[in-house]
Amino acid sequence: MGRSILIIEDNEQNRYLVTFLLERHGYIVHSAIDGMQGIDVARASSPDLILLDIQLPAMDGYAVARALRQITGLDAVPIVAVTSYAMPGDRERAIAAGCTGYIEKPIDPTTFVSTIELAFAPRTAVTL
C-alpha cells in the first residue's frame, strides 16, 4: 500500500489536478474542502503528508497548521503549504505556523510529485 496524502484545498480544480498527479504515482489521496474538515480527515486517516492551501474559507491554513501541530500523532506529519501567497514573508509565516515546506501556485505538473517527495526526507524545515 502506498503512502497517504491529505489535500486540504477548497478549489475543486486544484484538488482534482493534485489528486490526479499523486494517484498516478501510487499515493493514496484523501481530501477536504476546508480547515475544519481537514483536521477531522487528518485525525481519521493519519496521513503521511498534508498538502495545505493557506487561503481557505472560515479557518485559514495558518490556523489549520497550528491546530494540526497540537494533535498527538499528527504533530510530526510533514505539512506543505501549497499557496498563491507569494509575497515577501509568506513562506516564513507558513513555516512559523508549523508547515515544513512551501510550494507556490500555480503548480508545475511536471515537477510537482518529485517536489512533494522531498517532504518525506528527514525533517528540517524544507523550502520546496
N, C-alpha and C. Protein backbone atom coordinates (compact mmCIF):
# COMPACT_ATOMS: atom_id res chain seq x y z
N MET A 1 0.85 -1.18 0.00
CA MET A 1 0.00 0.00 0.00
C MET A 1 0.89 1.24 0.00
N GLY A 2 0.53 2.27 -0.79
CA GLY A 2 1.31 3.49 -0.92
C GLY A 2 1.13 4.43 0.25
N ARG A 3 1.95 5.42 0.27
CA ARG A 3 1.83 6.47 1.29
C ARG A 3 0.56 7.25 1.06
N SER A 4 0.01 7.79 2.15
CA SER A 4 -1.22 8.57 2.02
C SER A 4 -0.94 10.06 2.20
N ILE A 5 -1.66 10.83 1.41
CA ILE A 5 -1.52 12.28 1.43
C ILE A 5 -2.90 12.90 1.57
N LEU A 6 -3.02 13.84 2.47
CA LEU A 6 -4.26 14.61 2.64
C LEU A 6 -4.09 15.96 1.97
N ILE A 7 -5.05 16.28 1.11
CA ILE A 7 -5.08 17.59 0.45
C ILE A 7 -6.19 18.40 1.10
N ILE A 8 -5.85 19.54 1.66
CA ILE A 8 -6.84 20.46 2.21
C ILE A 8 -6.86 21.66 1.27
N GLU A 9 -7.87 21.70 0.41
CA GLU A 9 -7.93 22.67 -0.69
C GLU A 9 -9.40 22.92 -1.03
N ASP A 10 -9.81 24.18 -1.07
CA ASP A 10 -11.20 24.49 -1.36
C ASP A 10 -11.51 24.59 -2.85
N ASN A 11 -10.50 24.76 -3.69
CA ASN A 11 -10.72 24.89 -5.12
C ASN A 11 -10.79 23.49 -5.76
N GLU A 12 -11.94 23.20 -6.37
CA GLU A 12 -12.17 21.87 -6.92
C GLU A 12 -11.17 21.51 -8.02
N GLN A 13 -10.85 22.45 -8.89
CA GLN A 13 -9.91 22.17 -9.98
C GLN A 13 -8.51 21.88 -9.45
N ASN A 14 -8.08 22.63 -8.46
CA ASN A 14 -6.77 22.38 -7.85
C ASN A 14 -6.73 21.01 -7.18
N ARG A 15 -7.81 20.69 -6.45
CA ARG A 15 -7.90 19.38 -5.79
C ARG A 15 -7.83 18.26 -6.81
N TYR A 16 -8.56 18.41 -7.91
CA TYR A 16 -8.60 17.39 -8.94
C TYR A 16 -7.21 17.18 -9.54
N LEU A 17 -6.53 18.27 -9.92
CA LEU A 17 -5.21 18.16 -10.53
C LEU A 17 -4.21 17.48 -9.60
N VAL A 18 -4.15 17.93 -8.36
CA VAL A 18 -3.20 17.37 -7.40
C VAL A 18 -3.52 15.90 -7.13
N THR A 19 -4.79 15.58 -6.97
CA THR A 19 -5.20 14.19 -6.75
C THR A 19 -4.78 13.32 -7.93
N PHE A 20 -5.06 13.78 -9.14
CA PHE A 20 -4.69 13.04 -10.35
C PHE A 20 -3.19 12.77 -10.39
N LEU A 21 -2.39 13.79 -10.17
CA LEU A 21 -0.94 13.64 -10.23
C LEU A 21 -0.43 12.65 -9.17
N LEU A 22 -0.93 12.78 -7.96
CA LEU A 22 -0.46 11.92 -6.88
C LEU A 22 -0.91 10.48 -7.04
N GLU A 23 -2.18 10.27 -7.42
CA GLU A 23 -2.68 8.90 -7.59
C GLU A 23 -1.94 8.20 -8.73
N ARG A 24 -1.56 8.94 -9.77
CA ARG A 24 -0.79 8.37 -10.87
C ARG A 24 0.57 7.84 -10.41
N HIS A 25 1.05 8.37 -9.31
CA HIS A 25 2.34 7.94 -8.76
C HIS A 25 2.18 7.02 -7.55
N GLY A 26 0.98 6.46 -7.38
CA GLY A 26 0.77 5.44 -6.36
C GLY A 26 0.40 5.92 -4.97
N TYR A 27 0.16 7.20 -4.81
CA TYR A 27 -0.23 7.71 -3.50
C TYR A 27 -1.72 7.49 -3.26
N ILE A 28 -2.07 7.28 -2.01
CA ILE A 28 -3.46 7.24 -1.58
C ILE A 28 -3.82 8.66 -1.17
N VAL A 29 -4.86 9.20 -1.76
CA VAL A 29 -5.20 10.61 -1.54
C VAL A 29 -6.52 10.75 -0.81
N HIS A 30 -6.49 11.54 0.25
CA HIS A 30 -7.69 11.95 0.98
C HIS A 30 -7.82 13.45 0.74
N SER A 31 -9.04 13.96 0.81
CA SER A 31 -9.18 15.40 0.60
C SER A 31 -10.22 16.00 1.52
N ALA A 32 -10.07 17.31 1.69
CA ALA A 32 -11.01 18.09 2.50
C ALA A 32 -11.12 19.46 1.84
N ILE A 33 -12.29 20.08 1.98
CA ILE A 33 -12.53 21.36 1.30
C ILE A 33 -12.39 22.57 2.20
N ASP A 34 -12.18 22.35 3.49
CA ASP A 34 -11.94 23.48 4.39
C ASP A 34 -11.12 23.01 5.59
N GLY A 35 -10.73 23.95 6.42
CA GLY A 35 -9.84 23.64 7.53
C GLY A 35 -10.40 22.68 8.56
N MET A 36 -11.63 22.92 8.97
CA MET A 36 -12.22 22.04 9.99
C MET A 36 -12.37 20.62 9.47
N GLN A 37 -12.85 20.48 8.23
CA GLN A 37 -12.96 19.16 7.64
C GLN A 37 -11.57 18.53 7.50
N GLY A 38 -10.59 19.34 7.15
CA GLY A 38 -9.23 18.84 7.02
C GLY A 38 -8.69 18.28 8.32
N ILE A 39 -8.94 18.96 9.41
CA ILE A 39 -8.50 18.48 10.72
C ILE A 39 -9.19 17.15 11.05
N ASP A 40 -10.49 17.08 10.77
CA ASP A 40 -11.24 15.83 11.02
C ASP A 40 -10.71 14.68 10.17
N VAL A 41 -10.48 14.94 8.88
CA VAL A 41 -9.98 13.90 7.99
C VAL A 41 -8.56 13.48 8.40
N ALA A 42 -7.75 14.43 8.82
CA ALA A 42 -6.39 14.11 9.27
C ALA A 42 -6.44 13.18 10.49
N ARG A 43 -7.31 13.48 11.42
CA ARG A 43 -7.46 12.61 12.60
C ARG A 43 -7.88 11.20 12.20
N ALA A 44 -8.82 11.11 11.27
CA ALA A 44 -9.37 9.82 10.87
C ALA A 44 -8.42 9.01 9.99
N SER A 45 -7.64 9.69 9.15
CA SER A 45 -6.83 8.97 8.16
C SER A 45 -5.35 8.86 8.50
N SER A 46 -4.88 9.63 9.45
CA SER A 46 -3.45 9.65 9.83
C SER A 46 -2.55 9.65 8.59
N PRO A 47 -2.61 10.72 7.79
CA PRO A 47 -1.83 10.75 6.55
C PRO A 47 -0.33 10.82 6.80
N ASP A 48 0.43 10.45 5.78
CA ASP A 48 1.88 10.55 5.85
C ASP A 48 2.37 11.95 5.51
N LEU A 49 1.51 12.74 4.86
CA LEU A 49 1.84 14.09 4.44
C LEU A 49 0.54 14.87 4.26
N ILE A 50 0.59 16.15 4.55
CA ILE A 50 -0.58 17.02 4.36
C ILE A 50 -0.18 18.16 3.43
N LEU A 51 -0.98 18.35 2.37
CA LEU A 51 -0.83 19.49 1.47
C LEU A 51 -1.91 20.48 1.84
N LEU A 52 -1.52 21.68 2.19
CA LEU A 52 -2.43 22.64 2.80
C LEU A 52 -2.48 23.96 2.06
N ASP A 53 -3.66 24.28 1.53
CA ASP A 53 -3.87 25.60 0.96
C ASP A 53 -3.92 26.59 2.13
N ILE A 54 -3.39 27.78 1.94
CA ILE A 54 -3.41 28.77 3.01
C ILE A 54 -4.70 29.60 2.98
N GLN A 55 -5.18 29.89 1.80
CA GLN A 55 -6.38 30.72 1.67
C GLN A 55 -7.61 29.82 1.62
N LEU A 56 -8.11 29.50 2.82
CA LEU A 56 -9.29 28.64 2.97
C LEU A 56 -10.43 29.44 3.59
N PRO A 57 -11.67 29.01 3.34
CA PRO A 57 -12.79 29.71 3.97
C PRO A 57 -12.85 29.41 5.47
N ALA A 58 -13.33 30.34 6.23
CA ALA A 58 -13.60 30.23 7.67
C ALA A 58 -12.34 30.13 8.53
N MET A 59 -11.46 29.19 8.24
CA MET A 59 -10.24 28.97 9.03
C MET A 59 -9.07 28.91 8.06
N ASP A 60 -8.17 29.89 8.11
CA ASP A 60 -7.09 29.90 7.13
C ASP A 60 -6.07 28.79 7.41
N GLY A 61 -5.22 28.55 6.43
CA GLY A 61 -4.25 27.47 6.53
C GLY A 61 -3.27 27.62 7.67
N TYR A 62 -2.94 28.84 8.03
CA TYR A 62 -2.05 29.05 9.17
C TYR A 62 -2.67 28.49 10.45
N ALA A 63 -3.96 28.78 10.66
CA ALA A 63 -4.67 28.28 11.84
C ALA A 63 -4.78 26.76 11.79
N VAL A 64 -5.00 26.22 10.59
CA VAL A 64 -5.10 24.76 10.44
C VAL A 64 -3.76 24.12 10.81
N ALA A 65 -2.66 24.66 10.30
CA ALA A 65 -1.34 24.10 10.61
C ALA A 65 -1.08 24.13 12.11
N ARG A 66 -1.38 25.27 12.74
CA ARG A 66 -1.18 25.36 14.20
C ARG A 66 -2.03 24.33 14.94
N ALA A 67 -3.27 24.13 14.50
CA ALA A 67 -4.16 23.16 15.15
C ALA A 67 -3.63 21.73 14.96
N LEU A 68 -3.17 21.41 13.76
CA LEU A 68 -2.65 20.07 13.49
C LEU A 68 -1.42 19.77 14.34
N ARG A 69 -0.60 20.77 14.58
CA ARG A 69 0.61 20.59 15.39
C ARG A 69 0.29 20.31 16.86
N GLN A 70 -0.94 20.58 17.27
CA GLN A 70 -1.36 20.33 18.66
C GLN A 70 -1.95 18.94 18.85
N ILE A 71 -2.12 18.17 17.78
CA ILE A 71 -2.77 16.87 17.85
C ILE A 71 -1.70 15.77 17.91
N THR A 72 -1.71 15.01 18.99
CA THR A 72 -0.77 13.92 19.14
C THR A 72 -0.97 12.94 18.00
N GLY A 73 0.13 12.54 17.39
CA GLY A 73 0.08 11.63 16.26
C GLY A 73 0.11 12.37 14.92
N LEU A 74 -0.28 13.63 14.92
CA LEU A 74 -0.21 14.44 13.70
C LEU A 74 0.85 15.52 13.83
N ASP A 75 1.38 15.68 15.04
CA ASP A 75 2.32 16.77 15.31
C ASP A 75 3.62 16.67 14.53
N ALA A 76 3.98 15.49 14.05
CA ALA A 76 5.22 15.33 13.30
C ALA A 76 4.99 15.06 11.81
N VAL A 77 3.74 15.04 11.38
CA VAL A 77 3.44 14.81 9.97
C VAL A 77 3.88 16.03 9.16
N PRO A 78 4.63 15.84 8.08
CA PRO A 78 5.01 16.98 7.25
C PRO A 78 3.78 17.69 6.69
N ILE A 79 3.79 19.00 6.76
CA ILE A 79 2.72 19.83 6.19
C ILE A 79 3.36 20.76 5.17
N VAL A 80 2.91 20.67 3.94
CA VAL A 80 3.43 21.53 2.88
C VAL A 80 2.34 22.52 2.48
N ALA A 81 2.64 23.79 2.65
CA ALA A 81 1.73 24.84 2.19
C ALA A 81 1.81 24.89 0.67
N VAL A 82 0.66 24.81 0.01
CA VAL A 82 0.58 24.94 -1.44
C VAL A 82 -0.33 26.13 -1.67
N THR A 83 0.26 27.27 -2.02
CA THR A 83 -0.49 28.50 -1.94
C THR A 83 -0.10 29.52 -3.01
N SER A 84 -1.03 30.39 -3.29
CA SER A 84 -0.74 31.50 -4.20
C SER A 84 -0.14 32.68 -3.45
N TYR A 85 -0.06 32.59 -2.13
CA TYR A 85 0.59 33.65 -1.36
C TYR A 85 2.09 33.61 -1.65
N ALA A 86 2.60 34.62 -2.32
CA ALA A 86 4.00 34.62 -2.73
C ALA A 86 4.68 35.95 -2.44
N MET A 87 4.19 36.67 -1.48
CA MET A 87 4.79 37.95 -1.11
C MET A 87 5.94 37.71 -0.12
N PRO A 88 6.84 38.67 -0.01
CA PRO A 88 7.91 38.52 0.97
C PRO A 88 7.32 38.25 2.36
N GLY A 89 7.85 37.24 3.02
CA GLY A 89 7.39 36.89 4.37
C GLY A 89 6.34 35.78 4.40
N ASP A 90 5.68 35.49 3.28
CA ASP A 90 4.64 34.46 3.29
C ASP A 90 5.20 33.08 3.58
N ARG A 91 6.33 32.74 2.98
CA ARG A 91 6.97 31.44 3.24
C ARG A 91 7.33 31.32 4.72
N GLU A 92 7.92 32.37 5.26
CA GLU A 92 8.32 32.34 6.68
C GLU A 92 7.11 32.24 7.59
N ARG A 93 6.03 32.91 7.23
CA ARG A 93 4.80 32.82 8.03
C ARG A 93 4.24 31.40 8.03
N ALA A 94 4.29 30.72 6.88
CA ALA A 94 3.81 29.34 6.81
C ALA A 94 4.68 28.42 7.66
N ILE A 95 5.99 28.59 7.59
CA ILE A 95 6.91 27.77 8.40
C ILE A 95 6.68 28.05 9.88
N ALA A 96 6.50 29.30 10.25
CA ALA A 96 6.25 29.65 11.66
C ALA A 96 4.95 29.05 12.18
N ALA A 97 3.97 28.86 11.30
CA ALA A 97 2.68 28.28 11.71
C ALA A 97 2.77 26.76 11.87
N GLY A 98 3.85 26.15 11.39
CA GLY A 98 4.01 24.71 11.55
C GLY A 98 4.20 23.94 10.25
N CYS A 99 4.20 24.63 9.12
CA CYS A 99 4.44 23.96 7.85
C CYS A 99 5.92 23.60 7.75
N THR A 100 6.20 22.52 7.05
CA THR A 100 7.58 22.08 6.86
C THR A 100 8.06 22.34 5.43
N GLY A 101 7.17 22.81 4.59
CA GLY A 101 7.52 23.12 3.22
C GLY A 101 6.54 24.12 2.64
N TYR A 102 6.87 24.62 1.45
CA TYR A 102 6.09 25.70 0.85
C TYR A 102 6.23 25.60 -0.66
N ILE A 103 5.12 25.51 -1.37
CA ILE A 103 5.11 25.48 -2.83
C ILE A 103 4.15 26.56 -3.30
N GLU A 104 4.62 27.37 -4.25
CA GLU A 104 3.78 28.43 -4.80
C GLU A 104 2.89 27.88 -5.91
N LYS A 105 1.66 28.39 -5.96
CA LYS A 105 0.76 28.11 -7.08
C LYS A 105 0.99 29.18 -8.13
N PRO A 106 0.75 28.89 -9.36
CA PRO A 106 0.27 27.60 -9.86
C PRO A 106 1.39 26.57 -9.82
N ILE A 107 1.00 25.32 -9.57
CA ILE A 107 1.98 24.24 -9.50
C ILE A 107 2.42 23.88 -10.92
N ASP A 108 3.59 23.29 -11.00
CA ASP A 108 4.10 22.77 -12.27
C ASP A 108 3.82 21.26 -12.28
N PRO A 109 2.88 20.81 -13.10
CA PRO A 109 2.53 19.38 -13.10
C PRO A 109 3.70 18.46 -13.42
N THR A 110 4.72 18.96 -14.13
CA THR A 110 5.84 18.09 -14.50
C THR A 110 6.82 17.86 -13.35
N THR A 111 6.82 18.73 -12.36
CA THR A 111 7.77 18.59 -11.24
C THR A 111 7.08 18.46 -9.89
N PHE A 112 5.76 18.57 -9.85
CA PHE A 112 5.05 18.62 -8.57
C PHE A 112 5.31 17.39 -7.71
N VAL A 113 5.15 16.20 -8.26
CA VAL A 113 5.30 14.98 -7.44
C VAL A 113 6.73 14.84 -6.94
N SER A 114 7.71 15.10 -7.78
CA SER A 114 9.10 14.99 -7.31
C SER A 114 9.39 16.03 -6.22
N THR A 115 8.77 17.18 -6.32
CA THR A 115 8.94 18.21 -5.29
C THR A 115 8.29 17.75 -3.99
N ILE A 116 7.10 17.19 -4.08
CA ILE A 116 6.40 16.69 -2.89
C ILE A 116 7.21 15.59 -2.21
N GLU A 117 7.85 14.74 -2.99
CA GLU A 117 8.62 13.65 -2.40
C GLU A 117 9.77 14.15 -1.54
N LEU A 118 10.24 15.37 -1.77
CA LEU A 118 11.28 15.96 -0.92
C LEU A 118 10.78 16.13 0.52
N ALA A 119 9.47 16.29 0.69
CA ALA A 119 8.91 16.49 2.03
C ALA A 119 9.02 15.25 2.89
N PHE A 120 9.24 14.08 2.27
CA PHE A 120 9.40 12.84 3.03
C PHE A 120 10.83 12.65 3.51
N ALA A 121 11.74 13.53 3.10
CA ALA A 121 13.13 13.43 3.52
C ALA A 121 13.22 13.70 5.02
N PRO A 122 14.33 13.29 5.65
CA PRO A 122 14.49 13.58 7.08
C PRO A 122 14.20 15.05 7.37
N ARG A 123 13.55 15.28 8.49
CA ARG A 123 12.90 16.54 8.71
C ARG A 123 13.77 17.66 9.29
N THR A 124 13.84 18.69 8.52
CA THR A 124 14.22 20.02 8.95
C THR A 124 13.31 20.91 8.13
N ALA A 125 13.19 22.13 8.41
CA ALA A 125 12.30 23.00 7.63
C ALA A 125 12.80 23.02 6.19
N VAL A 126 11.99 22.52 5.31
CA VAL A 126 12.37 22.36 3.91
C VAL A 126 11.66 23.41 3.08
N THR A 127 12.41 24.10 2.25
CA THR A 127 11.81 25.01 1.29
C THR A 127 11.69 24.25 -0.01
N LEU A 128 10.46 23.99 -0.42
CA LEU A 128 10.24 23.22 -1.64
C LEU A 128 9.96 24.13 -2.80
